[in-house]
Amino acid sequence: MSAGSQALELYQTGPLTVIGFYGRPVLEGITPLDCRNELEKIITDHRCQTIAFDLSGMKLLPSGMLGLFASVKKTGVDILLYNSGREVREVLEVTKLDTMLELFEVDLTAA
């Protein structure tokens, strides 16, 4: 990842923090370590109790990100995953993370 660029896009901060990945279908050039470092700072700075990740448009979620979700959950921060596509949902089911993390679908086109 280039200096100064961010892996995570903040939509809302506070006890409930909403994060996206800038609508990327694949996290090319972004490592789980990049995300972990940003996420740790976000959790500390905003005293997050729940993090909702918007996975809209994502086709591939690296295994390191799955581990990151699980490790953050183990620290006591709730993890919610929104709008995981079919491919990502299948990986969550195979890894059984769908039983550990809450999954939601939201129609973003509804007014």
Protein backbone atom coordinates (compact mmCIF):
# COMPACT_ATOMS: atom_id res chain seq x y z
CA MET A 1 0.00 0.00 0.00
CA SER A 2 1.40 3.38 -0.86
CA ALA A 3 2.22 5.86 1.86
CA GLY A 4 -0.70 8.06 2.75
CA SER A 5 -3.37 5.80 1.27
CA GLN A 6 -5.93 4.14 3.46
CA ALA A 7 -7.33 0.64 3.36
CA LEU A 8 -10.50 1.45 5.29
CA GLU A 9 -13.18 4.01 4.50
CA LEU A 10 -14.98 5.41 7.56
CA TYR A 11 -18.70 6.09 7.08
CA GLN A 12 -19.53 6.68 10.75
CA THR A 13 -17.51 6.64 13.96
CA GLY A 14 -18.32 6.19 17.61
CA PRO A 15 -19.51 3.21 19.66
CA LEU A 16 -21.04 1.94 16.39
CA THR A 17 -18.46 2.46 13.67
CA VAL A 18 -19.27 1.74 10.03
CA ILE A 19 -16.38 0.91 7.73
CA GLY A 20 -16.07 0.06 4.04
CA PHE A 21 -13.30 -0.78 1.61
CA TYR A 22 -13.98 2.01 -0.92
CA GLY A 23 -16.16 -0.37 -2.97
CA ARG A 24 -13.16 -2.43 -4.07
CA PRO A 25 -14.03 -5.87 -5.43
CA VAL A 26 -10.56 -7.12 -4.39
CA LEU A 27 -8.15 -5.67 -1.83
CA GLU A 28 -5.21 -5.45 -4.21
CA GLY A 29 -2.09 -3.89 -2.73
CA ILE A 30 -3.64 -3.87 0.74
CA THR A 31 -2.49 -6.33 3.35
CA PRO A 32 -4.37 -7.51 6.42
CA LEU A 33 -1.60 -5.80 8.42
CA ASP A 34 -2.51 -2.47 6.78
CA CYS A 35 -6.12 -3.02 7.80
CA ARG A 36 -5.19 -4.22 11.29
CA ASN A 37 -3.10 -1.12 11.97
CA GLU A 38 -5.86 1.22 10.79
CA LEU A 39 -8.51 -0.76 12.64
CA GLU A 40 -6.61 -0.73 15.94
CA LYS A 41 -6.28 3.05 15.72
CA ILE A 42 -9.98 3.45 14.83
CA ILE A 43 -11.06 1.23 17.75
CA THR A 44 -8.89 3.17 20.20
CA ASP A 45 -9.64 6.66 18.88
CA HIS A 46 -13.43 6.17 18.66
CA ARG A 47 -13.97 3.72 21.54
CA CYS A 48 -15.72 1.30 19.20
CA GLN A 49 -18.02 -1.30 20.68
CA THR A 50 -19.42 -2.51 17.37
CA ILE A 51 -17.91 -2.34 13.90
CA ALA A 52 -20.12 -2.79 10.86
CA PHE A 53 -18.18 -3.62 7.69
CA ASP A 54 -19.84 -2.78 4.38
CA LEU A 55 -18.70 -5.47 1.94
CA SER A 56 -20.74 -4.16 -0.99
CA GLY A 57 -19.10 -5.03 -4.30
CA MET A 58 -16.40 -7.21 -2.74
CA LYS A 59 -15.73 -10.41 -4.70
CA LEU A 60 -12.77 -11.74 -2.77
CA LEU A 61 -11.92 -11.36 0.90
CA PRO A 62 -8.35 -12.44 1.80
CA SER A 63 -8.01 -15.10 4.47
CA GLY A 64 -6.01 -12.64 6.56
CA MET A 65 -9.06 -10.37 6.71
CA LEU A 66 -11.17 -13.28 7.93
CA GLY A 67 -8.62 -13.81 10.70
CA LEU A 68 -8.68 -10.10 11.47
CA PHE A 69 -12.48 -10.13 11.85
CA ALA A 70 -12.25 -13.12 14.19
CA SER A 71 -9.43 -11.65 16.30
CA VAL A 72 -11.23 -8.30 16.70
CA LYS A 73 -14.39 -10.18 17.74
CA LYS A 74 -12.36 -12.01 20.40
CA THR A 75 -11.33 -8.65 21.92
CA GLY A 76 -14.99 -7.96 22.72
CA VAL A 77 -15.79 -5.68 19.78
CA ASP A 78 -18.88 -6.92 17.92
CA ILE A 79 -18.39 -7.39 14.17
CA LEU A 80 -21.29 -7.02 11.76
CA LEU A 81 -20.89 -7.75 8.06
CA TYR A 82 -23.21 -6.09 5.57
CA ASN A 83 -23.87 -6.92 1.93
CA SER A 84 -21.44 -9.76 1.48
CA GLY A 85 -21.73 -11.05 -2.06
CA ARG A 86 -22.27 -14.69 -2.92
CA GLU A 87 -18.53 -15.42 -3.16
CA VAL A 88 -17.72 -13.85 0.21
CA ARG A 89 -20.75 -15.44 1.88
CA GLU A 90 -19.65 -18.90 0.66
CA VAL A 91 -16.20 -18.40 2.23
CA LEU A 92 -17.79 -17.27 5.49
CA GLU A 93 -19.99 -20.38 5.50
CA VAL A 94 -17.11 -22.77 4.71
CA THR A 95 -14.95 -21.27 7.46
CA LYS A 96 -17.93 -21.21 9.86
CA LEU A 97 -17.35 -17.51 10.49
CA ASP A 98 -20.99 -16.96 9.57
CA THR A 99 -21.80 -18.50 12.97
CA MET A 100 -19.40 -16.17 14.80
CA LEU A 101 -20.13 -12.92 12.96
CA GLU A 102 -23.51 -11.37 12.23
CA LEU A 103 -24.38 -11.10 8.53
CA PHE A 104 -26.92 -8.66 7.11
CA GLU A 105 -28.17 -7.67 3.69
CA VAL A 106 -29.38 -4.10 3.16
CA ASP A 107 -31.01 -2.83 -0.02
CA LEU A 108 -29.08 0.35 -0.61
CA THR A 109 -31.28 1.26 -3.57
CA ALA A 110 -34.45 1.51 -1.45
CA ALA A 111 -35.46 5.06 -0.65
